[in-house]
Structures are given as C-alpha cells and as structure tokens.
C-alpha cells in the first residue's frame, strides 16, 4: 500500500479524531447557539491523501442540536465509501510508518 500526501503525525491525528467522536451522541452540547456553532466548526475536519494513486478523503463532520452531538464520519476512496473506516486508516498509518 503506497500512501502519499499525508504525514505520519497527520494520520495519527486523523485516527484519534475519528475515535474521539465515536460515541458523541451521549455528549451534552453547549447551551448557547453560538457555542454550538463554534464546536461544529472547531471539530469538523477533513484529510485528503492518496492510496496507490487513488484519492482518499477522510472526514469528520460535527453537528450540535440543543440536546445532542452528532458525528458523521466517512472515508471515501475514489467514489466508494469505506465501511471499515478506522481499520483502513490504521492500515494506512502502518504503511506510512513502514516507509519512514
């Protein structure tokens, strides 16, 4: 697996972010609307890189309602959505570490 366009540290940060927001539904969001929008903006992140010359986009989109956090996590490889997202990202990380 040839992973390019992302560093080992960036990939570690990506995996950590994906894992951090695994069970956000049970979190309590801030009470004010402006604080909820700030949380959404601060925690919505995207990483773009290539695997075997195929573009990959890993994305965590956060949405806060008055009562809940919602995390929409996705990994898109070319036009295909990956179902096993974190295992795929960890495989990319191990490939990066082997090549460094």
N, C-alpha and C. Protein backbone atom coordinates (compact mmCIF):
# COMPACT_ATOMS: atom_id res chain seq x y z
N UNK A 1 0.85 -1.17 0.00
CA UNK A 1 0.00 0.00 0.00
C UNK A 1 0.90 1.23 0.00
N UNK A 2 0.73 2.09 -0.98
CA UNK A 2 1.53 3.30 -1.11
C UNK A 2 0.67 4.51 -0.72
N UNK A 3 0.92 5.06 0.46
CA UNK A 3 0.16 6.20 0.98
C UNK A 3 0.99 7.46 0.79
N UNK A 4 0.41 8.48 0.16
CA UNK A 4 1.13 9.72 -0.10
C UNK A 4 0.24 10.92 0.21
N UNK A 5 0.87 12.05 0.47
CA UNK A 5 0.12 13.29 0.68
C UNK A 5 -0.28 13.54 2.12
N UNK A 6 0.20 12.72 3.04
CA UNK A 6 -0.12 12.90 4.46
C UNK A 6 1.07 12.39 5.27
N UNK A 7 1.34 13.06 6.39
CA UNK A 7 2.45 12.64 7.25
C UNK A 7 1.95 11.63 8.28
N UNK A 8 2.89 10.97 8.93
CA UNK A 8 2.55 10.01 9.98
C UNK A 8 1.77 10.71 11.09
N UNK A 9 2.23 11.89 11.50
CA UNK A 9 1.56 12.62 12.59
C UNK A 9 0.15 13.04 12.19
N UNK A 10 -0.03 13.51 10.96
CA UNK A 10 -1.37 13.88 10.49
C UNK A 10 -2.31 12.67 10.48
N UNK A 11 -1.79 11.51 10.08
CA UNK A 11 -2.61 10.29 10.07
C UNK A 11 -2.97 9.88 11.49
N UNK A 12 -2.03 10.01 12.43
CA UNK A 12 -2.33 9.72 13.84
C UNK A 12 -3.41 10.65 14.36
N UNK A 13 -3.32 11.94 14.01
CA UNK A 13 -4.34 12.91 14.42
C UNK A 13 -5.70 12.56 13.82
N UNK A 14 -5.71 12.13 12.57
CA UNK A 14 -6.94 11.73 11.90
C UNK A 14 -7.60 10.56 12.63
N UNK A 15 -6.83 9.53 12.92
CA UNK A 15 -7.36 8.35 13.61
C UNK A 15 -7.87 8.72 15.00
N UNK A 16 -7.11 9.54 15.71
CA UNK A 16 -7.51 9.99 17.05
C UNK A 16 -8.84 10.75 16.99
N UNK A 17 -9.00 11.60 15.97
CA UNK A 17 -10.22 12.38 15.82
C UNK A 17 -11.40 11.46 15.49
N UNK A 18 -11.20 10.48 14.62
CA UNK A 18 -12.25 9.51 14.29
C UNK A 18 -12.68 8.75 15.55
N UNK A 19 -11.72 8.32 16.35
CA UNK A 19 -12.05 7.56 17.56
C UNK A 19 -12.69 8.43 18.63
N UNK A 20 -12.24 9.67 18.74
CA UNK A 20 -12.78 10.60 19.75
C UNK A 20 -14.28 10.80 19.59
N UNK A 21 -14.74 10.86 18.34
CA UNK A 21 -16.15 11.17 18.09
C UNK A 21 -16.99 9.92 17.81
N UNK A 22 -16.55 8.78 18.30
CA UNK A 22 -17.29 7.53 18.08
C UNK A 22 -18.63 7.50 18.82
N UNK A 23 -18.69 8.06 20.02
CA UNK A 23 -19.92 7.98 20.83
C UNK A 23 -20.39 9.36 21.28
N UNK A 24 -20.35 10.32 20.38
CA UNK A 24 -20.70 11.70 20.74
C UNK A 24 -22.19 11.89 20.99
N UNK A 25 -23.03 11.00 20.55
CA UNK A 25 -24.47 11.14 20.74
C UNK A 25 -24.82 11.34 22.21
N UNK A 26 -24.00 10.80 23.09
CA UNK A 26 -24.27 10.88 24.52
C UNK A 26 -23.66 12.11 25.19
N UNK A 27 -22.95 12.93 24.42
CA UNK A 27 -22.35 14.14 24.98
C UNK A 27 -23.41 15.22 25.12
N UNK A 28 -23.17 16.16 26.02
CA UNK A 28 -24.06 17.30 26.18
C UNK A 28 -23.46 18.50 25.46
N UNK A 29 -24.18 19.08 24.49
CA UNK A 29 -23.66 20.23 23.76
C UNK A 29 -23.74 21.50 24.60
N UNK A 30 -23.02 22.54 24.19
CA UNK A 30 -23.12 23.83 24.89
C UNK A 30 -24.55 24.37 24.81
N UNK A 31 -24.90 25.21 25.74
CA UNK A 31 -26.28 25.70 25.80
C UNK A 31 -26.58 26.81 24.79
N UNK A 32 -25.60 27.65 24.46
CA UNK A 32 -25.88 28.74 23.52
C UNK A 32 -25.64 28.29 22.08
N UNK A 33 -26.41 28.88 21.18
CA UNK A 33 -26.30 28.54 19.76
C UNK A 33 -24.92 28.88 19.20
N UNK A 34 -24.38 30.01 19.61
CA UNK A 34 -23.06 30.41 19.09
C UNK A 34 -21.98 29.43 19.55
N UNK A 35 -22.09 28.93 20.76
CA UNK A 35 -21.12 27.96 21.26
C UNK A 35 -21.26 26.62 20.53
N UNK A 36 -22.51 26.25 20.19
CA UNK A 36 -22.71 25.02 19.41
C UNK A 36 -22.12 25.15 18.02
N UNK A 37 -22.30 26.30 17.36
CA UNK A 37 -21.71 26.51 16.01
C UNK A 37 -20.19 26.50 16.09
N UNK A 38 -19.63 27.08 17.16
CA UNK A 38 -18.18 27.08 17.35
C UNK A 38 -17.67 25.65 17.50
N UNK A 39 -18.37 24.82 18.27
CA UNK A 39 -18.00 23.41 18.45
C UNK A 39 -18.02 22.68 17.11
N UNK A 40 -19.06 22.94 16.31
CA UNK A 40 -19.15 22.31 14.99
C UNK A 40 -17.97 22.70 14.11
N UNK A 41 -17.68 23.98 14.07
CA UNK A 41 -16.59 24.47 13.24
C UNK A 41 -15.23 23.96 13.72
N UNK A 42 -15.04 23.96 15.01
CA UNK A 42 -13.75 23.54 15.59
C UNK A 42 -13.48 22.05 15.39
N UNK A 43 -14.51 21.23 15.39
CA UNK A 43 -14.32 19.78 15.36
C UNK A 43 -14.61 19.13 14.01
N UNK A 44 -15.11 19.88 13.03
CA UNK A 44 -15.30 19.34 11.69
C UNK A 44 -13.97 19.42 10.97
N UNK A 45 -13.46 18.26 10.55
CA UNK A 45 -12.14 18.21 9.92
C UNK A 45 -12.14 17.25 8.75
N UNK A 46 -11.20 17.49 7.83
CA UNK A 46 -11.07 16.65 6.64
C UNK A 46 -9.60 16.44 6.32
N UNK A 47 -9.26 15.23 5.88
CA UNK A 47 -7.89 14.91 5.48
C UNK A 47 -7.96 14.32 4.08
N UNK A 48 -7.09 14.80 3.19
CA UNK A 48 -7.03 14.29 1.82
C UNK A 48 -5.64 13.74 1.56
N UNK A 49 -5.59 12.54 1.00
CA UNK A 49 -4.33 11.90 0.64
C UNK A 49 -4.61 10.87 -0.43
N UNK A 50 -3.59 10.17 -0.89
CA UNK A 50 -3.78 9.14 -1.90
C UNK A 50 -3.28 7.80 -1.38
N UNK A 51 -3.93 6.73 -1.83
CA UNK A 51 -3.51 5.37 -1.55
C UNK A 51 -3.42 4.67 -2.90
N UNK A 52 -2.23 4.23 -3.24
CA UNK A 52 -2.00 3.62 -4.55
C UNK A 52 -2.53 4.51 -5.67
N UNK A 53 -2.27 5.81 -5.54
CA UNK A 53 -2.63 6.84 -6.51
C UNK A 53 -4.14 7.05 -6.67
N UNK A 54 -4.93 6.54 -5.72
CA UNK A 54 -6.38 6.77 -5.71
C UNK A 54 -6.67 7.80 -4.61
N UNK A 55 -7.39 8.88 -4.92
CA UNK A 55 -7.67 9.90 -3.90
C UNK A 55 -8.55 9.37 -2.77
N UNK A 56 -8.18 9.77 -1.56
CA UNK A 56 -8.93 9.37 -0.36
C UNK A 56 -9.28 10.64 0.41
N UNK A 57 -10.53 10.72 0.89
CA UNK A 57 -10.95 11.81 1.76
C UNK A 57 -11.51 11.20 3.03
N UNK A 58 -10.87 11.51 4.15
CA UNK A 58 -11.36 11.10 5.47
C UNK A 58 -11.95 12.34 6.11
N UNK A 59 -13.19 12.24 6.57
CA UNK A 59 -13.88 13.43 7.05
C UNK A 59 -14.69 13.14 8.30
N UNK A 60 -14.62 14.05 9.24
CA UNK A 60 -15.48 14.02 10.43
C UNK A 60 -16.25 15.33 10.43
N UNK A 61 -17.58 15.23 10.32
CA UNK A 61 -18.44 16.42 10.34
C UNK A 61 -19.27 16.37 11.61
N UNK A 62 -19.20 17.43 12.39
CA UNK A 62 -19.90 17.50 13.67
C UNK A 62 -21.10 18.44 13.55
N UNK A 63 -22.19 18.02 14.13
CA UNK A 63 -23.40 18.83 14.20
C UNK A 63 -23.91 18.80 15.64
N UNK A 64 -24.29 19.94 16.16
CA UNK A 64 -24.81 20.02 17.54
C UNK A 64 -26.25 20.52 17.50
N UNK A 65 -27.14 19.75 18.09
CA UNK A 65 -28.50 20.23 18.29
C UNK A 65 -28.57 20.78 19.71
N UNK A 66 -29.73 21.16 20.14
CA UNK A 66 -29.89 21.65 21.51
C UNK A 66 -29.63 20.56 22.54
N UNK A 67 -29.82 19.30 22.14
CA UNK A 67 -29.70 18.19 23.08
C UNK A 67 -28.54 17.24 22.82
N UNK A 68 -28.08 17.13 21.59
CA UNK A 68 -27.09 16.11 21.26
C UNK A 68 -26.00 16.61 20.32
N UNK A 69 -24.87 15.90 20.38
CA UNK A 69 -23.82 16.00 19.37
C UNK A 69 -24.09 14.90 18.35
N UNK A 70 -23.83 15.18 17.09
CA UNK A 70 -23.89 14.15 16.05
C UNK A 70 -22.58 14.19 15.28
N UNK A 71 -21.99 13.05 15.07
CA UNK A 71 -20.74 12.96 14.32
C UNK A 71 -21.00 12.12 13.08
N UNK A 72 -20.70 12.68 11.94
CA UNK A 72 -20.82 11.97 10.67
C UNK A 72 -19.39 11.72 10.19
N UNK A 73 -18.97 10.46 10.27
CA UNK A 73 -17.61 10.10 9.91
C UNK A 73 -17.64 9.32 8.60
N UNK A 74 -16.72 9.66 7.70
CA UNK A 74 -16.69 8.95 6.42
C UNK A 74 -15.27 8.90 5.88
N UNK A 75 -15.00 7.83 5.14
CA UNK A 75 -13.76 7.69 4.39
C UNK A 75 -14.18 7.31 2.98
N UNK A 76 -13.83 8.15 2.03
CA UNK A 76 -14.19 7.94 0.64
C UNK A 76 -12.93 7.64 -0.16
N UNK A 77 -12.89 6.49 -0.81
CA UNK A 77 -11.76 6.08 -1.63
C UNK A 77 -12.23 6.14 -3.09
N UNK A 78 -11.73 7.11 -3.82
CA UNK A 78 -12.25 7.34 -5.16
C UNK A 78 -13.71 7.74 -5.02
N UNK A 79 -14.61 6.93 -5.54
CA UNK A 79 -16.05 7.18 -5.42
C UNK A 79 -16.73 6.24 -4.43
N UNK A 80 -15.96 5.37 -3.80
CA UNK A 80 -16.51 4.34 -2.90
C UNK A 80 -16.39 4.76 -1.44
N UNK A 81 -17.48 4.63 -0.69
CA UNK A 81 -17.45 4.88 0.75
C UNK A 81 -16.97 3.63 1.46
N UNK A 82 -15.97 3.80 2.30
CA UNK A 82 -15.38 2.69 3.06
C UNK A 82 -16.24 2.41 4.28
N UNK A 83 -16.56 1.16 4.53
CA UNK A 83 -17.36 0.81 5.70
C UNK A 83 -16.50 0.64 6.95
N UNK A 84 -15.37 -0.01 6.83
CA UNK A 84 -14.48 -0.22 7.96
C UNK A 84 -13.46 0.92 7.97
N UNK A 85 -13.87 2.07 8.46
CA UNK A 85 -13.08 3.29 8.34
C UNK A 85 -11.81 3.28 9.18
N UNK A 86 -11.94 3.05 10.48
CA UNK A 86 -10.77 3.13 11.37
C UNK A 86 -9.76 2.03 11.06
N UNK A 87 -10.18 0.79 10.81
CA UNK A 87 -9.18 -0.22 10.43
C UNK A 87 -8.42 0.16 9.15
N UNK A 88 -9.12 0.75 8.18
CA UNK A 88 -8.47 1.19 6.95
C UNK A 88 -7.44 2.28 7.25
N UNK A 89 -7.82 3.26 8.08
CA UNK A 89 -6.90 4.35 8.43
C UNK A 89 -5.69 3.82 9.18
N UNK A 90 -5.90 2.85 10.06
CA UNK A 90 -4.77 2.26 10.80
C UNK A 90 -3.85 1.49 9.87
N UNK A 91 -4.42 0.85 8.87
CA UNK A 91 -3.60 0.15 7.87
C UNK A 91 -2.76 1.16 7.08
N UNK A 92 -3.35 2.29 6.75
CA UNK A 92 -2.61 3.36 6.06
C UNK A 92 -1.48 3.88 6.95
N UNK A 93 -1.75 4.05 8.24
CA UNK A 93 -0.73 4.51 9.18
C UNK A 93 0.42 3.53 9.26
N UNK A 94 0.12 2.25 9.38
CA UNK A 94 1.21 1.26 9.46
C UNK A 94 2.03 1.25 8.18
N UNK A 95 1.40 1.45 7.04
CA UNK A 95 2.12 1.54 5.77
C UNK A 95 3.03 2.76 5.75
N UNK A 96 2.54 3.88 6.25
CA UNK A 96 3.36 5.10 6.34
C UNK A 96 4.56 4.89 7.24
N UNK A 97 4.34 4.26 8.40
CA UNK A 97 5.42 4.04 9.35
C UNK A 97 6.47 3.09 8.80
N UNK A 98 6.05 2.09 8.03
CA UNK A 98 7.00 1.16 7.42
C UNK A 98 7.89 1.85 6.40
N UNK A 99 7.33 2.81 5.68
CA UNK A 99 8.06 3.50 4.62
C UNK A 99 8.97 4.61 5.16
N UNK A 100 8.83 4.95 6.42
CA UNK A 100 9.69 6.01 7.02
C UNK A 100 10.78 5.45 7.85
